[in-house]
Amino acid sequence: MSNYNDNPFASSHSLDANPFDDPQDDHNARLEQIRQREADLERRETELNKRADQIRAHGRKNWPPFFPIIYHDIKEEIPEASRSLITRLYQLWLVLLVTLIINMIACIFILVAGSADGGRDVGSSIGYLFVISATSFLLWYRPIYNGYMKEQSLYYYLYFFFGGFHLLFSIYMIIGIPSTGSAGLIQTVQMFSRHQWAAAVLALIATIGWLAQGLGNAFYYRLIYAHHTAAGHTMEKAKTEFAAHGARAYFTRG
């Protein structure tokens, strides 16, 4: 029986449909979407398996990659609004590490070039490479990392104290006084004046490195101080947090 509400003149075909479309193209497009989804799932599964293996082998420790001793994940632990700042600070720490290596190599070339204080420079530069790289990470980078992760006053004051010392150390290394282990400005000028080109170029690169990471750290030091003030962090809060948590909270997320 026919329905009186039906329009006998209505077309059974959609007006939106293009009669010239090739059904095979739609089929191929759907297959391509399925393949992309499968590839994404496989990639995610591989990443999860790799992370699971990492956790089984080292717990949540993942840094440094060649010998994990702490957990370090800016994307996971730092709030989105602060990730770019902490990422830049981490990059500045990497610049510092590279600068320490170049500084040591430059001091070796300065010694070979016949500098009277070259032996002291090499010895001090080797010490800087191991001591400054470790202490800078632990004493100013890690505190501000924890500060933005936990938003606790104690970590900000640790950063300001040791970060301030690092800025002074950077100025000291930029100057480049002979026998101090710095292939800085004075050493660079001396090597150029003696036409010791290899030592001069390496010392110049080291000087630029010290200058770049020093200026970068000074810029972010100011930004972090402004954030610390706006957030209402105080020394009294820092003392209370230290009394409550102590040193055990240094590397933890709690």
Protein backbone atom coordinates (compact mmCIF):
# COMPACT_ATOMS: atom_id res chain seq x y z
CA MET A 1 0.00 0.00 0.00
CA SER A 2 1.40 3.43 -0.92
CA ASN A 3 1.97 6.12 1.62
CA TYR A 4 -0.01 9.33 0.93
CA ASN A 5 2.84 11.38 2.45
CA ASP A 6 5.35 10.16 -0.10
CA ASN A 7 6.20 12.44 -2.97
CA PRO A 8 5.83 10.42 -6.16
CA PHE A 9 8.02 12.92 -7.99
CA ALA A 10 10.89 12.80 -5.49
CA SER A 11 14.14 11.36 -6.78
CA SER A 12 15.56 8.32 -5.07
CA HIS A 13 19.08 9.72 -5.62
CA SER A 14 20.74 12.37 -3.45
CA LEU A 15 21.23 15.71 -5.15
CA ASP A 16 24.56 16.00 -3.33
CA ALA A 17 25.94 12.93 -4.96
CA ASN A 18 28.21 13.43 -7.93
CA PRO A 19 27.38 10.84 -10.59
CA PHE A 20 30.89 11.26 -11.98
CA ASP A 21 32.67 10.33 -8.70
CA ASP A 22 34.66 7.14 -8.91
CA PRO A 23 33.70 4.80 -6.03
CA GLN A 24 37.19 3.31 -6.25
CA ASP A 25 38.71 6.68 -5.23
CA ASP A 26 36.61 6.76 -2.05
CA HIS A 27 37.61 3.18 -1.30
CA ASN A 28 41.31 3.98 -1.77
CA ALA A 29 41.01 7.07 0.44
CA ARG A 30 39.41 5.03 3.22
CA LEU A 31 42.13 2.40 2.91
CA GLU A 32 44.80 5.10 3.17
CA GLN A 33 43.19 6.50 6.33
CA ILE A 34 43.10 3.02 7.83
CA ARG A 35 46.78 2.48 6.97
CA GLN A 36 47.70 5.81 8.58
CA ARG A 37 45.79 4.92 11.73
CA GLU A 38 47.49 1.53 11.89
CA ALA A 39 50.90 3.19 11.45
CA ASP A 40 50.12 5.65 14.26
CA LEU A 41 49.02 2.81 16.52
CA GLU A 42 52.19 0.85 15.76
CA ARG A 43 54.34 3.91 16.44
CA ARG A 44 52.59 4.57 19.76
CA GLU A 45 52.89 0.92 20.72
CA THR A 46 56.61 1.00 19.93
CA GLU A 47 57.07 4.14 22.06
CA LEU A 48 55.12 2.63 24.95
CA ASN A 49 57.11 -0.61 24.76
CA LYS A 50 60.37 1.33 24.68
CA ARG A 51 59.28 3.39 27.68
CA ALA A 52 58.15 0.25 29.52
CA ASP A 53 61.56 -1.35 28.87
CA GLN A 54 63.23 1.82 30.16
CA ILE A 55 61.15 1.76 33.35
CA ARG A 56 61.81 -1.96 33.90
CA ALA A 57 65.56 -1.43 33.49
CA HIS A 58 65.98 1.83 35.40
CA GLY A 59 62.68 2.58 37.10
CA ARG A 60 61.52 6.06 36.08
CA LYS A 61 65.09 7.25 35.74
CA ASN A 62 65.81 8.37 32.19
CA TRP A 63 68.56 11.01 32.38
CA PRO A 64 71.30 11.10 31.28
CA PRO A 65 70.43 8.62 28.51
CA PHE A 66 73.75 6.76 28.70
CA PHE A 67 73.53 6.26 32.50
CA PRO A 68 70.10 7.17 33.92
CA ILE A 69 70.24 8.47 37.47
CA ILE A 70 67.21 10.81 37.64
CA TYR A 71 63.87 11.30 35.93
CA HIS A 72 63.74 14.29 33.58
CA ASP A 73 60.76 14.93 31.28
CA ILE A 74 59.83 18.55 30.60
CA LYS A 75 56.75 17.64 28.55
CA GLU A 76 55.29 15.45 31.28
CA GLU A 77 56.33 17.25 34.47
CA ILE A 78 56.32 20.97 33.63
CA PRO A 79 53.01 22.86 33.17
CA GLU A 80 52.37 23.79 29.56
CA ALA A 81 52.67 27.54 30.20
CA SER A 82 56.22 27.11 31.53
CA ARG A 83 57.56 24.39 29.22
CA SER A 84 59.18 26.76 26.74
CA LEU A 85 61.08 28.57 29.51
CA ILE A 86 62.40 25.36 31.09
CA THR A 87 63.26 24.02 27.63
CA ARG A 88 65.33 27.15 26.94
CA LEU A 89 67.11 26.80 30.29
CA TYR A 90 67.91 23.18 29.50
CA GLN A 91 69.25 24.24 26.10
CA LEU A 92 71.39 26.87 27.82
CA TRP A 93 72.77 24.17 30.11
CA LEU A 94 73.65 22.13 27.01
CA VAL A 95 75.38 25.21 25.55
CA LEU A 96 77.32 25.46 28.81
CA LEU A 97 78.37 21.81 28.52
CA VAL A 98 79.57 22.26 24.93
CA THR A 99 81.37 25.47 25.92
CA LEU A 100 83.21 23.66 28.72
CA ILE A 101 84.40 21.04 26.24
CA ILE A 102 85.54 23.65 23.70
CA ASN A 103 87.17 25.65 26.50
CA MET A 104 89.21 22.60 27.55
CA ILE A 105 90.31 21.91 23.95
CA ALA A 106 91.23 25.58 23.50
CA CYS A 107 93.35 25.47 26.68
CA ILE A 108 95.20 22.43 25.30
CA PHE A 109 95.97 24.37 22.12
CA ILE A 110 97.05 27.37 24.20
CA LEU A 111 99.48 25.09 26.05
CA VAL A 112 100.83 23.73 22.74
CA ALA A 113 101.19 27.32 21.51
CA GLY A 114 103.76 27.88 24.26
CA SER A 115 101.80 29.76 26.91
CA ALA A 116 103.72 29.95 30.20
CA ASP A 117 100.49 29.28 32.13
CA GLY A 118 99.19 26.64 29.73
CA GLY A 119 99.61 23.75 32.15
CA ARG A 120 97.49 25.45 34.80
CA ASP A 121 94.90 26.36 32.20
CA VAL A 122 94.56 22.76 31.01
CA GLY A 123 94.35 21.37 34.54
CA SER A 124 91.72 23.88 35.61
CA SER A 125 89.71 23.50 32.41
CA ILE A 126 89.50 19.72 32.90
CA GLY A 127 88.29 20.28 36.45
CA TYR A 128 85.68 22.77 35.21
CA LEU A 129 84.39 20.29 32.65
CA PHE A 130 83.53 17.69 35.26
CA VAL A 131 82.70 19.88 38.26
CA ILE A 132 80.80 22.76 36.65
CA SER A 133 78.77 20.54 34.32
CA ALA A 134 77.53 18.44 37.25
CA THR A 135 77.04 21.19 39.82
CA SER A 136 75.34 23.55 37.38
CA PHE A 137 72.77 20.90 36.55
CA LEU A 138 72.18 19.95 40.18
CA LEU A 139 72.40 23.36 41.83
CA TRP A 140 70.63 25.78 39.49
CA TYR A 141 68.96 23.93 36.62
CA ARG A 142 67.36 21.14 38.66
CA PRO A 143 66.05 23.51 41.39
CA ILE A 144 64.25 25.74 38.89
CA TYR A 145 62.95 22.65 37.07
CA ASN A 146 61.48 21.47 40.38
CA GLY A 147 60.34 25.00 41.16
CA TYR A 148 58.14 25.24 38.09
CA MET A 149 57.00 21.63 38.48
CA LYS A 150 55.97 21.92 42.15
CA GLU A 151 55.64 25.72 42.44
CA GLN A 152 57.39 25.74 45.82
CA SER A 153 59.40 28.66 47.17
CA LEU A 154 62.38 26.61 48.34
CA TYR A 155 63.46 25.68 44.82
CA TYR A 156 63.28 29.26 43.60
CA TYR A 157 65.61 30.46 46.35
CA LEU A 158 68.05 27.63 45.62
CA TYR A 159 68.03 28.69 41.98
CA PHE A 160 68.55 32.37 42.75
CA PHE A 161 71.48 31.59 45.05
CA PHE A 162 73.37 29.15 42.84
CA GLY A 163 72.21 30.73 39.57
CA GLY A 164 73.65 34.02 40.77
CA PHE A 165 77.00 32.35 41.45
CA HIS A 166 76.89 30.85 37.97
CA LEU A 167 76.38 34.30 36.42
CA LEU A 168 79.45 35.58 38.29
CA PHE A 169 81.41 32.50 37.17
CA SER A 170 80.36 33.19 33.57
CA ILE A 171 81.73 36.74 33.77
CA TYR A 172 84.96 35.34 35.21
CA MET A 173 85.26 32.88 32.31
CA ILE A 174 84.41 35.50 29.68
CA ILE A 175 87.36 37.62 30.84
CA GLY A 176 89.80 34.74 30.33
CA ILE A 177 92.58 35.52 32.81
CA PRO A 178 95.65 33.35 32.06
CA SER A 179 96.29 30.38 34.41
CA THR A 180 92.62 30.30 35.50
CA GLY A 181 91.47 27.62 33.06
CA SER A 182 89.50 30.03 30.90
CA ALA A 183 90.12 30.45 27.19
CA GLY A 184 88.25 33.73 27.36
CA LEU A 185 88.76 37.20 25.95
CA ILE A 186 92.30 37.92 27.22
CA GLN A 187 93.56 34.53 26.08
CA THR A 188 91.87 35.02 22.69
CA VAL A 189 93.59 38.39 22.15
CA GLN A 190 96.95 36.95 23.18
CA MET A 191 96.66 34.02 20.78
CA PHE A 192 95.66 36.28 17.88
CA SER A 193 98.56 38.65 18.66
CA ARG A 194 100.97 35.68 18.57
CA HIS A 195 99.43 34.43 15.31
CA GLN A 196 98.53 31.11 16.92
CA TRP A 197 95.46 30.80 14.74
CA ALA A 198 94.11 27.42 15.86
CA ALA A 199 94.31 28.34 19.54
CA ALA A 200 92.93 31.80 18.80
CA VAL A 201 89.88 30.54 16.90
CA LEU A 202 89.08 27.91 19.56
CA ALA A 203 89.47 30.50 22.31
CA LEU A 204 87.19 32.86 20.38
CA ILE A 205 84.52 30.15 20.08
CA ALA A 206 84.82 29.44 23.80
CA THR A 207 84.46 33.14 24.58
CA ILE A 208 81.34 33.37 22.42
CA GLY A 209 79.97 30.29 24.21
CA TRP A 210 80.59 31.79 27.64
CA LEU A 211 79.01 35.06 26.52
CA ALA A 212 75.94 33.39 24.93
CA GLN A 213 75.07 31.16 27.86
CA GLY A 214 75.85 33.96 30.35
CA LEU A 215 73.56 36.49 28.65
CA GLY A 216 70.88 33.84 28.17
CA ASN A 217 70.96 32.85 31.82
CA ALA A 218 70.90 36.50 32.91
CA PHE A 219 67.81 37.10 30.76
CA TYR A 220 65.92 34.13 32.20
CA TYR A 221 67.13 34.89 35.72
CA ARG A 222 65.25 38.17 35.47
CA LEU A 223 62.12 36.51 34.05
CA ILE A 224 62.12 33.88 36.77
CA TYR A 225 62.54 36.50 39.47
CA ALA A 226 59.49 38.35 38.12
CA HIS A 227 57.47 35.12 38.12
CA HIS A 228 58.65 34.30 41.64
CA THR A 229 57.52 37.70 42.89
CA ALA A 230 54.16 37.53 41.13
CA ALA A 231 53.53 34.03 42.52
CA GLY A 232 54.04 35.27 46.07
CA HIS A 233 56.98 33.07 47.01
CA THR A 234 58.71 34.13 50.22
CA MET A 235 61.63 33.05 52.36
CA GLU A 236 59.21 32.09 55.13
CA LYS A 237 57.45 29.70 52.76
CA ALA A 238 60.82 28.29 51.72
CA LYS A 239 61.77 27.63 55.36
CA THR A 240 58.44 25.92 56.01
CA GLU A 241 58.83 23.73 52.93
CA PHE A 242 62.35 22.75 53.90
CA ALA A 243 61.19 21.84 57.41
CA ALA A 244 58.33 19.76 55.98
CA HIS A 245 60.12 18.00 53.13
CA GLY A 246 63.84 18.38 53.65
CA ALA A 247 66.42 17.28 51.09
CA ARG A 248 64.54 14.06 50.26
CA ALA A 249 62.13 15.98 48.03
CA TYR A 250 64.95 17.30 45.84
CA PHE A 251 64.68 14.68 43.09
CA THR A 252 61.12 13.56 43.70
CA ARG A 253 57.82 14.73 42.29
CA GLY A 254 56.11 14.86 45.69
